[in-house]
Amino acid sequence: MEEAGRGVIFVGGAPRSGTTVAHAIICTSPRVNGYVAESSFLTYYFRALVAGLRQFDNHTRSFFAHRSHFERFARGMVRHALDRVAVNVGSPEILALKDPLMTPIFPMLSPLYPAFKFVVTVRHPLDVYRSRRAVMLKEKPDLVVGVNEARMVAEEYVRSYAYRQAANMHFMRYEDMGTEEAVRELGAFLGLDDFDLSRMWERPGGVRVESITESTNPWHSPLYGTGVQQSTRHRDVALDPAEVETVLRIARPIMKRFGYGD
């Protein structure tokens, strides 16, 4: 993909941290594909690459004489997949995709694909947990949510951000997304100065994603189809003190790094 000259952007961040809104903003540039769903299937291509590199001496060396040979093979697989995806979304100059679950492997992908751009959204962990908690209860209304779930979400949160920022990586706080400065900084990082927020949520071909208040999809947000807004729907969710303590204890180092207080 790098050799072909097409730009590639991946958007990540902890689930429920604003990845969808950030992706939708990026997709308003006429140089980028229209808004599309999560490219979760591609995450497995990259995970295969990461697994092959991590286990190169123990396993992968049996099939590739040198690490560089495996990297070249894996890059070819990824390039072919991205080329096919690009064709199916209108062959844009820049391909922008997102999957929050790819985020923990961004630090390994960043040096392997230096021409790719990685945008990472960040949100206060308690708001992430409140939103995830709501999703859990939509999926399983009878679920008793407590400390175990708080620990799971907080640990996933930490995995999403436990690495240093690289030159081809940009962090964007959810709470700042509605500001002109944050959007301008995002555009400067990506080399895009032509965001048109009136086109938010337009899919390839111009069909607009419309919001509905209720949906059978537990992950659906009524903010789909609206402008750049930050959800405060779950701010009034009462959390057990033990849940709050668990989330803050695990996530506090990340919180401080991004300027969040308790």
C-alpha atoms as a PDB file:
ATOM      1  CA  MET A   1       0.000   0.000   0.000  1.00  0.00           C
ATOM      2  CA  GLU A   2       2.870   2.329   0.796  1.00  0.00           C
ATOM      3  CA  GLU A   3       4.594   1.411  -2.444  1.00  0.00           C
ATOM      4  CA  ALA A   4       1.358   2.068  -4.363  1.00  0.00           C
ATOM      5  CA  GLY A   5       1.319   5.660  -3.161  1.00  0.00           C
ATOM      6  CA  ARG A   6      -2.095   5.652  -1.496  1.00  0.00           C
ATOM      7  CA  GLY A   7      -2.234   7.075   2.014  1.00  0.00           C
ATOM      8  CA  VAL A   8      -3.559   4.911   4.828  1.00  0.00           C
ATOM      9  CA  ILE A   9      -5.081   6.092   8.111  1.00  0.00           C
ATOM     10  CA  PHE A  10      -6.124   3.827  10.960  1.00  0.00           C
ATOM     11  CA  VAL A  11      -8.291   5.171  13.772  1.00  0.00           C
ATOM     12  CA  GLY A  12      -8.213   3.448  17.143  1.00  0.00           C
ATOM     13  CA  GLY A  13      -8.664   4.017  20.844  1.00  0.00           C
ATOM     14  CA  ALA A  14     -10.372   2.201  23.677  1.00  0.00           C
ATOM     15  CA  PRO A  15     -13.904   1.046  22.755  1.00  0.00           C
ATOM     16  CA  ARG A  16     -16.406   3.862  23.510  1.00  0.00           C
ATOM     17  CA  SER A  17     -13.694   6.532  23.469  1.00  0.00           C
ATOM     18  CA  GLY A  18     -14.858   8.416  20.361  1.00  0.00           C
ATOM     19  CA  THR A  19     -13.244   6.408  17.570  1.00  0.00           C
ATOM     20  CA  THR A  20     -16.410   6.555  15.466  1.00  0.00           C
ATOM     21  CA  VAL A  21     -16.713  10.345  15.641  1.00  0.00           C
ATOM     22  CA  ALA A  22     -13.008  10.841  14.851  1.00  0.00           C
ATOM     23  CA  HIS A  23     -13.288   8.473  11.888  1.00  0.00           C
ATOM     24  CA  ALA A  24     -16.406  10.269  10.663  1.00  0.00           C
ATOM     25  CA  ILE A  25     -14.587  13.632  10.773  1.00  0.00           C
ATOM     26  CA  ILE A  26     -11.659  12.279   8.751  1.00  0.00           C
ATOM     27  CA  CYS A  27     -13.995  10.783   6.163  1.00  0.00           C
ATOM     28  CA  THR A  28     -15.430  14.234   5.345  1.00  0.00           C
ATOM     29  CA  SER A  29     -12.315  15.084   3.344  1.00  0.00           C
ATOM     30  CA  PRO A  30     -12.924  14.616  -0.402  1.00  0.00           C
ATOM     31  CA  ARG A  31      -9.505  12.930  -0.574  1.00  0.00           C
ATOM     32  CA  VAL A  32     -10.694  10.180   1.801  1.00  0.00           C
ATOM     33  CA  ASN A  33     -13.266   7.415   1.397  1.00  0.00           C
ATOM     34  CA  GLY A  34     -16.744   7.979   2.782  1.00  0.00           C
ATOM     35  CA  TYR A  35     -17.665   6.773   6.253  1.00  0.00           C
ATOM     36  CA  VAL A  36     -17.571   2.971   6.569  1.00  0.00           C
ATOM     37  CA  ALA A  37     -18.088   0.447   9.356  1.00  0.00           C
ATOM     38  CA  GLU A  38     -15.257  -1.012  11.419  1.00  0.00           C
ATOM     39  CA  SER A  39     -12.657  -2.939   9.445  1.00  0.00           C
ATOM     40  CA  SER A  40     -12.432  -5.623  12.128  1.00  0.00           C
ATOM     41  CA  PHE A  41     -11.551  -8.364   9.636  1.00  0.00           C
ATOM     42  CA  LEU A  42      -8.327  -6.527   8.747  1.00  0.00           C
ATOM     43  CA  THR A  43      -7.251  -6.549  12.381  1.00  0.00           C
ATOM     44  CA  TYR A  44      -6.612 -10.273  12.073  1.00  0.00           C
ATOM     45  CA  TYR A  45      -4.212  -9.696   9.184  1.00  0.00           C
ATOM     46  CA  PHE A  46      -2.183  -7.381  11.377  1.00  0.00           C
ATOM     47  CA  ARG A  47      -2.390  -9.661  14.382  1.00  0.00           C
ATOM     48  CA  ALA A  48      -0.974 -12.468  12.240  1.00  0.00           C
ATOM     49  CA  LEU A  49       1.946 -10.211  11.340  1.00  0.00           C
ATOM     50  CA  VAL A  50       2.546  -9.297  14.981  1.00  0.00           C
ATOM     51  CA  ALA A  51       2.316 -12.950  16.089  1.00  0.00           C
ATOM     52  CA  GLY A  52       4.767 -13.978  13.383  1.00  0.00           C
ATOM     53  CA  LEU A  53       7.261 -11.336  14.492  1.00  0.00           C
ATOM     54  CA  ARG A  54       6.904 -12.095  18.193  1.00  0.00           C
ATOM     55  CA  GLN A  55       7.367 -15.822  17.598  1.00  0.00           C
ATOM     56  CA  PHE A  56       9.886 -15.527  14.806  1.00  0.00           C
ATOM     57  CA  ASP A  57      12.771 -17.317  16.529  1.00  0.00           C
ATOM     58  CA  ASN A  58      10.563 -20.079  17.948  1.00  0.00           C
ATOM     59  CA  HIS A  59       8.125 -20.708  15.093  1.00  0.00           C
ATOM     60  CA  THR A  60       8.257 -18.448  12.054  1.00  0.00           C
ATOM     61  CA  ARG A  61      11.931 -19.085  11.297  1.00  0.00           C
ATOM     62  CA  SER A  62      10.940 -22.594  10.171  1.00  0.00           C
ATOM     63  CA  PHE A  63       9.189 -21.035   7.171  1.00  0.00           C
ATOM     64  CA  PHE A  64      11.237 -17.891   6.453  1.00  0.00           C
ATOM     65  CA  ALA A  65      15.027 -17.850   6.569  1.00  0.00           C
ATOM     66  CA  HIS A  66      15.220 -14.228   7.652  1.00  0.00           C
ATOM     67  CA  ARG A  67      12.943 -11.900   9.588  1.00  0.00           C
ATOM     68  CA  SER A  68      12.985  -9.451   6.678  1.00  0.00           C
ATOM     69  CA  HIS A  69      11.613 -12.167   4.366  1.00  0.00           C
ATOM     70  CA  PHE A  70       8.626 -12.688   6.635  1.00  0.00           C
ATOM     71  CA  GLU A  71       8.063  -8.935   6.931  1.00  0.00           C
ATOM     72  CA  ARG A  72       8.078  -8.622   3.140  1.00  0.00           C
ATOM     73  CA  PHE A  73       5.612 -11.521   2.843  1.00  0.00           C
ATOM     74  CA  ALA A  74       3.291 -10.041   5.493  1.00  0.00           C
ATOM     75  CA  ARG A  75       3.451  -6.564   3.946  1.00  0.00           C
ATOM     76  CA  GLY A  76       2.417  -8.065   0.618  1.00  0.00           C
ATOM     77  CA  MET A  77      -0.606  -9.733   2.223  1.00  0.00           C
ATOM     78  CA  VAL A  78      -1.640  -6.516   3.915  1.00  0.00           C
ATOM     79  CA  ARG A  79      -1.055  -4.439   0.791  1.00  0.00           C
ATOM     80  CA  HIS A  80      -3.220  -6.787  -1.275  1.00  0.00           C
ATOM     81  CA  ALA A  81      -6.025  -6.667   1.317  1.00  0.00           C
ATOM     82  CA  LEU A  82      -5.942  -2.863   1.546  1.00  0.00           C
ATOM     83  CA  ASP A  83      -5.850  -2.486  -2.234  1.00  0.00           C
ATOM     84  CA  ARG A  84      -8.990  -4.594  -2.546  1.00  0.00           C
ATOM     85  CA  VAL A  85     -10.707  -2.667   0.249  1.00  0.00           C
ATOM     86  CA  ALA A  86      -9.808   0.638  -1.402  1.00  0.00           C
ATOM     87  CA  VAL A  87     -11.375  -0.458  -4.700  1.00  0.00           C
ATOM     88  CA  ASN A  88     -14.570  -1.396  -2.880  1.00  0.00           C
ATOM     89  CA  VAL A  89     -14.900   2.033  -1.245  1.00  0.00           C
ATOM     90  CA  GLY A  90     -14.313   4.097  -4.370  1.00  0.00           C
ATOM     91  CA  SER A  91     -10.506   4.009  -4.786  1.00  0.00           C
ATOM     92  CA  PRO A  92      -9.827   7.127  -2.686  1.00  0.00           C
ATOM     93  CA  GLU A  93      -6.490   8.895  -2.578  1.00  0.00           C
ATOM     94  CA  ILE A  94      -6.400   8.156   1.172  1.00  0.00           C
ATOM     95  CA  LEU A  95      -7.959   5.103   2.787  1.00  0.00           C
ATOM     96  CA  ALA A  96      -9.265   5.741   6.322  1.00  0.00           C
ATOM     97  CA  LEU A  97     -10.353   2.767   8.417  1.00  0.00           C
ATOM     98  CA  LYS A  98     -10.997   2.152  12.077  1.00  0.00           C
ATOM     99  CA  ASP A  99     -11.178  -0.635  14.616  1.00  0.00           C
ATOM    100  CA  PRO A 100     -10.702  -0.001  18.351  1.00  0.00           C
ATOM    101  CA  LEU A 101      -9.557  -3.592  18.888  1.00  0.00           C
ATOM    102  CA  MET A 102      -6.525  -2.976  16.659  1.00  0.00           C
ATOM    103  CA  THR A 103      -5.252  -0.232  18.980  1.00  0.00           C
ATOM    104  CA  PRO A 104      -3.054  -2.345  21.316  1.00  0.00           C
ATOM    105  CA  ILE A 105      -0.881  -3.419  18.362  1.00  0.00           C
ATOM    106  CA  PHE A 106      -0.451   0.120  16.991  1.00  0.00           C
ATOM    107  CA  PRO A 107       3.007   0.409  18.632  1.00  0.00           C
ATOM    108  CA  MET A 108       4.240  -2.593  16.648  1.00  0.00           C
ATOM    109  CA  LEU A 109       2.579  -1.503  13.412  1.00  0.00           C
ATOM    110  CA  SER A 110       3.795   2.079  13.620  1.00  0.00           C
ATOM    111  CA  PRO A 111       7.489   1.368  12.833  1.00  0.00           C
ATOM    112  CA  LEU A 112       6.630  -1.377  10.340  1.00  0.00           C
ATOM    113  CA  TYR A 113       4.395   0.968   8.344  1.00  0.00           C
ATOM    114  CA  PRO A 114       5.974   4.428   8.792  1.00  0.00           C
ATOM    115  CA  ALA A 115       3.888   5.924   5.962  1.00  0.00           C
ATOM    116  CA  PHE A 116       0.628   4.912   7.677  1.00  0.00           C
ATOM    117  CA  LYS A 117      -0.998   7.416  10.043  1.00  0.00           C
ATOM    118  CA  PHE A 118      -2.512   6.257  13.344  1.00  0.00           C
ATOM    119  CA  VAL A 119      -5.142   8.401  15.082  1.00  0.00           C
ATOM    120  CA  VAL A 120      -5.898   7.385  18.682  1.00  0.00           C
ATOM    121  CA  THR A 121      -8.869   8.764  20.610  1.00  0.00           C
ATOM    122  CA  VAL A 122      -8.773   9.086  24.400  1.00  0.00           C
ATOM    123  CA  ARG A 123     -11.616   9.611  26.862  1.00  0.00           C
ATOM    124  CA  HIS A 124     -11.925   9.776  30.652  1.00  0.00           C
ATOM    125  CA  PRO A 125     -11.974   6.138  31.799  1.00  0.00           C
ATOM    126  CA  LEU A 126     -15.064   6.553  33.968  1.00  0.00           C
ATOM    127  CA  ASP A 127     -17.032   7.801  30.953  1.00  0.00           C
ATOM    128  CA  VAL A 128     -15.669   4.895  28.910  1.00  0.00           C
ATOM    129  CA  TYR A 129     -16.788   2.514  31.643  1.00  0.00           C
ATOM    130  CA  ARG A 130     -20.236   4.078  31.951  1.00  0.00           C
ATOM    131  CA  SER A 131     -20.756   3.698  28.206  1.00  0.00           C
ATOM    132  CA  ARG A 132     -19.430   0.130  28.173  1.00  0.00           C
ATOM    133  CA  ARG A 133     -21.624  -0.682  31.169  1.00  0.00           C
ATOM    134  CA  ALA A 134     -24.684   0.469  29.231  1.00  0.00           C
ATOM    135  CA  VAL A 135     -23.664  -1.729  26.286  1.00  0.00           C
ATOM    136  CA  MET A 136     -23.247  -4.749  28.565  1.00  0.00           C
ATOM    137  CA  LEU A 137     -26.733  -4.281  29.981  1.00  0.00           C
ATOM    138  CA  LYS A 138     -28.223  -3.914  26.505  1.00  0.00           C
ATOM    139  CA  GLU A 139     -26.553  -7.160  25.495  1.00  0.00           C
ATOM    140  CA  LYS A 140     -27.568  -8.986  28.692  1.00  0.00           C
ATOM    141  CA  PRO A 141     -30.298  -7.152  30.624  1.00  0.00           C
ATOM    142  CA  ASP A 142     -30.059  -9.605  33.532  1.00  0.00           C
ATOM    143  CA  LEU A 143     -26.295  -9.204  33.921  1.00  0.00           C
ATOM    144  CA  VAL A 144     -25.119  -8.083  37.357  1.00  0.00           C
ATOM    145  CA  VAL A 145     -22.419  -5.536  36.547  1.00  0.00           C
ATOM    146  CA  GLY A 146     -19.793  -4.909  39.185  1.00  0.00           C
ATOM    147  CA  VAL A 147     -16.111  -4.888  40.050  1.00  0.00           C
ATOM    148  CA  ASN A 148     -15.153  -7.695  37.648  1.00  0.00           C
ATOM    149  CA  GLU A 149     -16.574  -5.801  34.692  1.00  0.00           C
ATOM    150  CA  ALA A 150     -14.955  -2.576  35.892  1.00  0.00           C
ATOM    151  CA  ARG A 151     -11.592  -4.344  36.054  1.00  0.00           C
ATOM    152  CA  MET A 152     -12.016  -5.813  32.568  1.00  0.00           C
ATOM    153  CA  VAL A 153     -12.839  -2.437  30.996  1.00  0.00           C
ATOM    154  CA  ALA A 154     -10.082  -0.617  32.881  1.00  0.00           C
ATOM    155  CA  GLU A 155      -7.455  -3.175  31.860  1.00  0.00           C
ATOM    156  CA  GLU A 156      -8.596  -2.944  28.231  1.00  0.00           C
ATOM    157  CA  TYR A 157      -8.360   0.843  28.551  1.00  0.00           C
ATOM    158  CA  VAL A 158      -4.757   0.626  29.730  1.00  0.00           C
ATOM    159  CA  ARG A 159      -3.802  -1.791  26.933  1.00  0.00           C
ATOM    160  CA  SER A 160      -5.140   0.726  24.429  1.00  0.00           C
ATOM    161  CA  TYR A 161      -2.736   3.474  25.554  1.00  0.00           C
ATOM    162  CA  ALA A 162       0.248   1.825  27.277  1.00  0.00           C
ATOM    163  CA  TYR A 163       2.871   2.969  24.763  1.00  0.00           C
ATOM    164  CA  ARG A 164       4.743   6.071  23.709  1.00  0.00           C
ATOM    165  CA  GLN A 165       3.545   8.339  20.930  1.00  0.00           C
ATOM    166  CA  ALA A 166       5.386   7.860  17.628  1.00  0.00           C
ATOM    167  CA  ALA A 167       5.900  10.370  14.823  1.00  0.00           C
ATOM    168  CA  ASN A 168       3.094   8.807  12.762  1.00  0.00           C
ATOM    169  CA  MET A 169       0.674   8.683  15.707  1.00  0.00           C
ATOM    170  CA  HIS A 170      -1.733  11.356  16.942  1.00  0.00           C
ATOM    171  CA  PHE A 171      -3.742  11.298  20.185  1.00  0.00           C
ATOM    172  CA  MET A 172      -7.048  13.156  20.292  1.00  0.00           C
ATOM    173  CA  ARG A 173      -9.118  13.648  23.441  1.00  0.00           C
ATOM    174  CA  TYR A 174     -12.826  12.934  23.142  1.00  0.00           C
ATOM    175  CA  GLU A 175     -13.637  15.975  25.247  1.00  0.00           C
ATOM    176  CA  ASP A 176     -11.844  18.239  22.741  1.00  0.00           C
ATOM    177  CA  MET A 177     -13.337  16.893  19.515  1.00  0.00           C
ATOM    178  CA  GLY A 178     -15.939  19.612  19.207  1.00  0.00           C
ATOM    179  CA  THR A 179     -13.330  22.379  19.156  1.00  0.00           C
ATOM    180  CA  GLU A 180     -11.938  23.963  16.024  1.00  0.00           C
ATOM    181  CA  GLU A 181      -8.428  23.659  17.433  1.00  0.00           C
ATOM    182  CA  ALA A 182      -8.662  19.874  17.853  1.00  0.00           C
ATOM    183  CA  VAL A 183     -10.032  19.403  14.337  1.00  0.00           C
ATOM    184  CA  ARG A 184      -7.351  21.714  12.941  1.00  0.00           C
ATOM    185  CA  GLU A 185      -4.602  19.775  14.750  1.00  0.00           C
ATOM    186  CA  LEU A 186      -6.011  16.520  13.412  1.00  0.00           C
ATOM    187  CA  GLY A 187      -5.963  17.905   9.879  1.00  0.00           C
ATOM    188  CA  ALA A 188      -2.414  19.180  10.266  1.00  0.00           C
ATOM    189  CA  PHE A 189      -1.215  15.761  11.422  1.00  0.00           C
ATOM    190  CA  LEU A 190      -2.932  14.009   8.514  1.00  0.00           C
ATOM    191  CA  GLY A 191      -1.994  16.629   5.916  1.00  0.00           C
ATOM    192  CA  LEU A 192      -5.668  17.375   5.290  1.00  0.00           C
ATOM    193  CA  ASP A 193      -7.021  20.923   5.285  1.00  0.00           C
ATOM    194  CA  ASP A 194     -10.303  20.175   3.565  1.00  0.00           C
ATOM    195  CA  PHE A 195     -12.586  18.608   6.177  1.00  0.00           C
ATOM    196  CA  ASP A 196     -16.224  19.440   5.382  1.00  0.00           C
ATOM    197  CA  LEU A 197     -18.191  18.635   8.526  1.00  0.00           C
ATOM    198  CA  SER A 198     -21.480  19.130   6.661  1.00  0.00           C
ATOM    199  CA  ARG A 199     -20.634  15.805   4.973  1.00  0.00           C
ATOM    200  CA  MET A 200     -20.238  13.860   8.212  1.00  0.00           C
ATOM    201  CA  TRP A 201     -21.597  10.314   8.107  1.00  0.00           C
ATOM    202  CA  GLU A 202     -21.785  10.132   4.305  1.00  0.00           C
ATOM    203  CA  ARG A 203     -20.941   6.668   3.099  1.00  0.00           C
ATOM    204  CA  PRO A 204     -19.122   6.003  -0.201  1.00  0.00           C
ATOM    205  CA  GLY A 205     -21.599   7.047  -2.855  1.00  0.00           C
ATOM    206  CA  GLY A 206     -23.118   9.803  -0.716  1.00  0.00           C
ATOM    207  CA  VAL A 207     -25.734   7.862   1.268  1.00  0.00           C
ATOM    208  CA  ARG A 208     -25.897   9.332   4.756  1.00  0.00           C
ATOM    209  CA  VAL A 209     -25.914   7.309   7.969  1.00  0.00           C
ATOM    210  CA  GLU A 210     -29.039   8.360   9.818  1.00  0.00           C
ATOM    211  CA  SER A 211     -29.397   8.228  13.577  1.00  0.00           C
ATOM    212  CA  ILE A 212     -32.199   6.418  15.334  1.00  0.00           C
ATOM    213  CA  THR A 213     -32.885   6.746  19.032  1.00  0.00           C
ATOM    214  CA  GLU A 214     -33.270   3.032  19.651  1.00  0.00           C
ATOM    215  CA  SER A 215     -31.511   0.172  17.923  1.00  0.00           C
ATOM    216  CA  THR A 216     -31.250  -3.571  18.355  1.00  0.00           C
ATOM    217  CA  ASN A 217     -27.473  -3.164  18.097  1.00  0.00           C
ATOM    218  CA  PRO A 218     -26.191  -2.652  21.688  1.00  0.00           C
ATOM    219  CA  TRP A 219     -23.229  -0.646  20.380  1.00  0.00           C
ATOM    220  CA  HIS A 220     -25.387   1.807  18.432  1.00  0.00           C
ATOM    221  CA  SER A 221     -25.191   5.474  19.422  1.00  0.00           C
ATOM    222  CA  PRO A 222     -27.949   8.017  18.714  1.00  0.00           C
ATOM    223  CA  LEU A 223     -25.124  10.438  17.859  1.00  0.00           C
ATOM    224  CA  TYR A 224     -24.685   8.651  14.520  1.00  0.00           C
ATOM    225  CA  GLY A 225     -25.781  10.998  11.784  1.00  0.00           C
ATOM    226  CA  THR A 226     -25.327  14.133  13.900  1.00  0.00           C
ATOM    227  CA  GLY A 227     -22.494  16.642  13.897  1.00  0.00           C
ATOM    228  CA  VAL A 228     -19.405  16.621  16.094  1.00  0.00           C
ATOM    229  CA  GLN A 229     -20.927  16.077  19.507  1.00  0.00           C
ATOM    230  CA  GLN A 230     -19.777  14.447  22.721  1.00  0.00           C
ATOM    231  CA  SER A 231     -22.181  12.089  24.414  1.00  0.00           C
ATOM    232  CA  THR A 232     -23.149  12.836  28.002  1.00  0.00           C
ATOM    233  CA  ARG A 233     -25.920  10.241  28.068  1.00  0.00           C
ATOM    234  CA  HIS A 234     -24.343   8.146  30.802  1.00  0.00           C
ATOM    235  CA  ARG A 235     -22.962  10.868  33.057  1.00  0.00           C
ATOM    236  CA  ASP A 236     -25.876  10.337  35.456  1.00  0.00           C
ATOM    237  CA  VAL A 237     -25.290   6.582  35.741  1.00  0.00           C
ATOM    238  CA  ALA A 238     -24.723   5.795  39.400  1.00  0.00           C
ATOM    239  CA  LEU A 239     -21.625   3.642  39.820  1.00  0.00           C
ATOM    240  CA  ASP A 240     -20.886   1.603  42.896  1.00  0.00           C
ATOM    241  CA  PRO A 241     -17.928   3.133  44.788  1.00  0.00           C
ATOM    242  CA  ALA A 242     -16.056  -0.151  44.363  1.00  0.00           C
ATOM    243  CA  GLU A 243     -16.446   0.110  40.569  1.00  0.00           C
ATOM    244  CA  VAL A 244     -15.158   3.687  40.593  1.00  0.00           C
ATOM    245  CA  GLU A 245     -12.187   2.742  42.801  1.00  0.00           C
ATOM    246  CA  THR A 246     -11.312  -0.194  40.549  1.00  0.00           C
ATOM    247  CA  VAL A 247     -11.392   1.841  37.329  1.00  0.00           C
ATOM    248  CA  LEU A 248      -9.409   4.741  38.784  1.00  0.00           C
ATOM    249  CA  ARG A 249      -6.802   2.541  40.473  1.00  0.00           C
ATOM    250  CA  ILE A 250      -6.017   0.696  37.246  1.00  0.00           C
ATOM    251  CA  ALA A 251      -6.349   3.600  34.800  1.00  0.00           C
ATOM    252  CA  ARG A 252      -4.865   6.449  36.871  1.00  0.00           C
ATOM    253  CA  PRO A 253      -1.389   6.440  35.212  1.00  0.00           C
ATOM    254  CA  ILE A 254      -3.023   6.800  31.790  1.00  0.00           C
ATOM    255  CA  MET A 255      -5.413   9.449  33.113  1.00  0.00           C
ATOM    256  CA  LYS A 256      -2.587  11.604  34.394  1.00  0.00           C
ATOM    257  CA  ARG A 257      -0.740  11.301  31.112  1.00  0.00           C
ATOM    258  CA  PHE A 258      -3.706  12.800  29.250  1.00  0.00           C
ATOM    259  CA  GLY A 259      -4.602  15.406  31.830  1.00  0.00           C
ATOM    260  CA  TYR A 260      -7.610  13.745  33.447  1.00  0.00           C
ATOM    261  CA  GLY A 261      -8.352  14.098  37.133  1.00  0.00           C
ATOM    262  CA  ASP A 262     -10.395  11.705  39.266  1.00  0.00           C
END
